[in-house]
C-alpha atoms as a PDB file:
ATOM      1  CA  MET A   1      14.323  25.797 -62.619  1.00  0.00           C
ATOM      2  CA  SER A   2      11.852  23.463 -61.029  1.00  0.00           C
ATOM      3  CA  PRO A   3       8.540  24.853 -59.924  1.00  0.00           C
ATOM      4  CA  GLU A   4       8.134  25.091 -56.146  1.00  0.00           C
ATOM      5  CA  LYS A   5       5.425  22.874 -54.631  1.00  0.00           C
ATOM      6  CA  LYS A   6       2.691  24.707 -52.828  1.00  0.00           C
ATOM      7  CA  SER A   7       1.503  23.444 -49.460  1.00  0.00           C
ATOM      8  CA  PRO A   8      -2.261  22.892 -49.122  1.00  0.00           C
ATOM      9  CA  LEU A   9      -2.070  24.475 -45.639  1.00  0.00           C
ATOM     10  CA  PRO A  10      -1.846  28.210 -45.027  1.00  0.00           C
ATOM     11  CA  HIS A  11       1.675  29.586 -44.695  1.00  0.00           C
ATOM     12  CA  SER A  12       1.390  30.062 -40.902  1.00  0.00           C
ATOM     13  CA  ILE A  13       0.497  26.376 -40.338  1.00  0.00           C
ATOM     14  CA  ALA A  14       2.666  24.764 -42.985  1.00  0.00           C
ATOM     15  CA  ALA A  15       6.100  23.637 -41.849  1.00  0.00           C
ATOM     16  CA  PRO A  16       8.981  22.156 -43.750  1.00  0.00           C
ATOM     17  CA  LEU A  17       8.671  18.417 -44.104  1.00  0.00           C
ATOM     18  CA  PRO A  18      10.740  16.461 -41.586  1.00  0.00           C
ATOM     19  CA  ARG A  19      13.485  14.190 -42.866  1.00  0.00           C
ATOM     20  CA  SER A  20      13.584  11.327 -40.323  1.00  0.00           C
ATOM     21  CA  VAL A  21      11.365   9.398 -37.953  1.00  0.00           C
ATOM     22  CA  ALA A  22      12.848  11.337 -35.035  1.00  0.00           C
ATOM     23  CA  GLN A  23      12.021  14.619 -36.668  1.00  0.00           C
ATOM     24  CA  VAL A  24       8.471  13.429 -37.431  1.00  0.00           C
ATOM     25  CA  ALA A  25       7.961  12.421 -33.809  1.00  0.00           C
ATOM     26  CA  GLN A  26       9.408  15.726 -32.630  1.00  0.00           C
ATOM     27  CA  HIS A  27       7.382  17.790 -35.047  1.00  0.00           C
ATOM     28  CA  TYR A  28       3.964  16.158 -34.653  1.00  0.00           C
ATOM     29  CA  CYS A  29       4.045  14.542 -31.216  1.00  0.00           C
ATOM     30  CA  GLY A  30       6.493  16.615 -29.234  1.00  0.00           C
ATOM     31  CA  VAL A  31       8.730  13.611 -28.535  1.00  0.00           C
ATOM     32  CA  PRO A  32      12.309  14.743 -27.828  1.00  0.00           C
ATOM     33  CA  VAL A  33      14.713  13.833 -30.611  1.00  0.00           C
ATOM     34  CA  ARG A  34      17.324  12.708 -28.056  1.00  0.00           C
ATOM     35  CA  LEU A  35      15.157   9.641 -27.354  1.00  0.00           C
ATOM     36  CA  PHE A  36      15.800   8.515 -30.893  1.00  0.00           C
ATOM     37  CA  ASP A  37      19.459   9.502 -30.884  1.00  0.00           C
ATOM     38  CA  ARG A  38      20.216   7.162 -27.963  1.00  0.00           C
ATOM     39  CA  PRO A  39      17.605   4.366 -28.089  1.00  0.00           C
ATOM     40  CA  HIS A  40      19.234   2.306 -25.298  1.00  0.00           C
ATOM     41  CA  ALA A  41      19.622   5.224 -22.894  1.00  0.00           C
ATOM     42  CA  GLY A  42      16.217   4.458 -21.399  1.00  0.00           C
ATOM     43  CA  LEU A  43      17.246   0.876 -20.675  1.00  0.00           C
ATOM     44  CA  ALA A  44      20.383   2.052 -18.902  1.00  0.00           C
ATOM     45  CA  ALA A  45      18.378   4.544 -16.861  1.00  0.00           C
ATOM     46  CA  LYS A  46      15.875   1.834 -15.918  1.00  0.00           C
ATOM     47  CA  SER A  47      18.711  -0.417 -14.827  1.00  0.00           C
ATOM     48  CA  VAL A  48      20.238   2.337 -12.670  1.00  0.00           C
ATOM     49  CA  LEU A  49      16.821   3.128 -11.195  1.00  0.00           C
ATOM     50  CA  LYS A  50      16.154  -0.526 -10.405  1.00  0.00           C
ATOM     51  CA  ASP A  51      19.570  -0.931  -8.765  1.00  0.00           C
ATOM     52  CA  SER A  52      19.142   2.201  -6.648  1.00  0.00           C
ATOM     53  CA  HIS A  53      15.607   1.098  -5.721  1.00  0.00           C
ATOM     54  CA  ASN A  54      16.885  -2.289  -4.550  1.00  0.00           C
ATOM     55  CA  ALA A  55      19.732  -0.702  -2.583  1.00  0.00           C
ATOM     56  CA  SER A  56      17.416   1.776  -0.856  1.00  0.00           C
ATOM     57  CA  TYR A  57      14.885  -0.983  -0.107  1.00  0.00           C
ATOM     58  CA  ASN A  58      17.556  -3.172   1.476  1.00  0.00           C
ATOM     59  CA  THR A  59      18.899  -0.250   3.525  1.00  0.00           C
ATOM     60  CA  LEU A  60      15.427   0.686   4.729  1.00  0.00           C
ATOM     61  CA  LEU A  61      14.647  -2.939   5.563  1.00  0.00           C
ATOM     62  CA  SER A  62      17.813  -3.305   7.625  1.00  0.00           C
ATOM     63  CA  LEU A  63      17.058  -0.056   9.501  1.00  0.00           C
ATOM     64  CA  VAL A  64      13.520  -1.174  10.317  1.00  0.00           C
ATOM     65  CA  ASN A  65      14.762  -4.574  11.454  1.00  0.00           C
ATOM     66  CA  SER A  66      17.380  -2.997  13.719  1.00  0.00           C
ATOM     67  CA  LYS A  67      14.761  -0.695  15.292  1.00  0.00           C
ATOM     68  CA  LEU A  68      12.437  -3.665  15.856  1.00  0.00           C
ATOM     69  CA  ASP A  69      15.278  -5.584  17.496  1.00  0.00           C
ATOM     70  CA  GLU A  70      15.946  -2.629  19.816  1.00  0.00           C
ATOM     71  CA  PHE A  71      12.266  -2.443  20.710  1.00  0.00           C
ATOM     72  CA  LEU A  72      12.059  -6.168  21.448  1.00  0.00           C
ATOM     73  CA  LEU A  73      15.123  -5.902  23.678  1.00  0.00           C
ATOM     74  CA  LEU A  74      13.319  -3.198  25.650  1.00  0.00           C
ATOM     75  CA  MET A  75      10.332  -5.513  26.030  1.00  0.00           C
ATOM     76  CA  ASN A  76      12.550  -8.117  27.736  1.00  0.00           C
ATOM     77  CA  ASN A  77      13.282  -5.658  30.553  1.00  0.00           C
ATOM     78  CA  VAL A  78       9.606  -5.209  31.463  1.00  0.00           C
ATOM     79  CA  ASN A  79       8.338  -7.109  34.501  1.00  0.00           C
ATOM     80  CA  TRP A  80       5.004  -8.505  33.321  1.00  0.00           C
ATOM     81  CA  ILE A  81       4.092 -10.154  36.636  1.00  0.00           C
ATOM     82  CA  ALA A  82       2.916  -7.992  39.506  1.00  0.00           C
ATOM     83  CA  ASP A  83       5.029  -8.272  42.632  1.00  0.00           C
ATOM     84  CA  ASP A  84       2.129  -7.775  45.039  1.00  0.00           C
ATOM     85  CA  PRO A  85      -1.451  -8.765  44.275  1.00  0.00           C
ATOM     86  CA  PRO A  86      -3.918  -5.893  44.660  1.00  0.00           C
ATOM     87  CA  GLN A  87      -5.631  -5.755  48.068  1.00  0.00           C
ATOM     88  CA  ASN A  88      -8.989  -4.560  46.775  1.00  0.00           C
ATOM     89  CA  VAL A  89     -10.901  -5.329  43.624  1.00  0.00           C
ATOM     90  CA  SER A  90     -10.907  -2.766  40.861  1.00  0.00           C
ATOM     91  CA  GLU A  91     -13.979  -0.541  40.737  1.00  0.00           C
ATOM     92  CA  TYR A  92     -14.002  -0.858  36.991  1.00  0.00           C
ATOM     93  CA  MET A  93     -14.236  -4.651  37.245  1.00  0.00           C
ATOM     94  CA  ASN A  94     -17.080  -4.299  39.755  1.00  0.00           C
ATOM     95  CA  GLU A  95     -19.000  -2.079  37.365  1.00  0.00           C
ATOM     96  CA  ILE A  96     -18.407  -4.466  34.454  1.00  0.00           C
ATOM     97  CA  SER A  97     -19.596  -7.501  36.436  1.00  0.00           C
ATOM     98  CA  ILE A  98     -22.697  -5.631  37.634  1.00  0.00           C
ATOM     99  CA  TYR A  99     -23.446  -4.562  34.055  1.00  0.00           C
ATOM    100  CA  ILE A 100     -23.092  -8.147  32.807  1.00  0.00           C
ATOM    101  CA  LEU A 101     -25.278  -9.564  35.595  1.00  0.00           C
ATOM    102  CA  ILE A 102     -28.028  -6.993  35.008  1.00  0.00           C
ATOM    103  CA  ARG A 103     -28.270  -7.700  31.299  1.00  0.00           C
END
């Protein structure tokens, strides 16, 4: 029989020694072991995220462009020139010109 090795830590703190890098990361750092089981899963997820981001960006861009086009079409229907010139001068313009002359 081989003598059992004693841990220098108290029994409540001491844990069995991990056997792999994944188990070390899990035990000491709290890193999920599944990250080590599938190392390329993160790359696939990043690729899917990037593709969905690009698709949503393009969809949003096309929606904004279509709304801007609709707005600009509405602007074409506005008559920007007054049909009849005003008969009297605006009171606001009178007050502004008096204010400018007084200063």
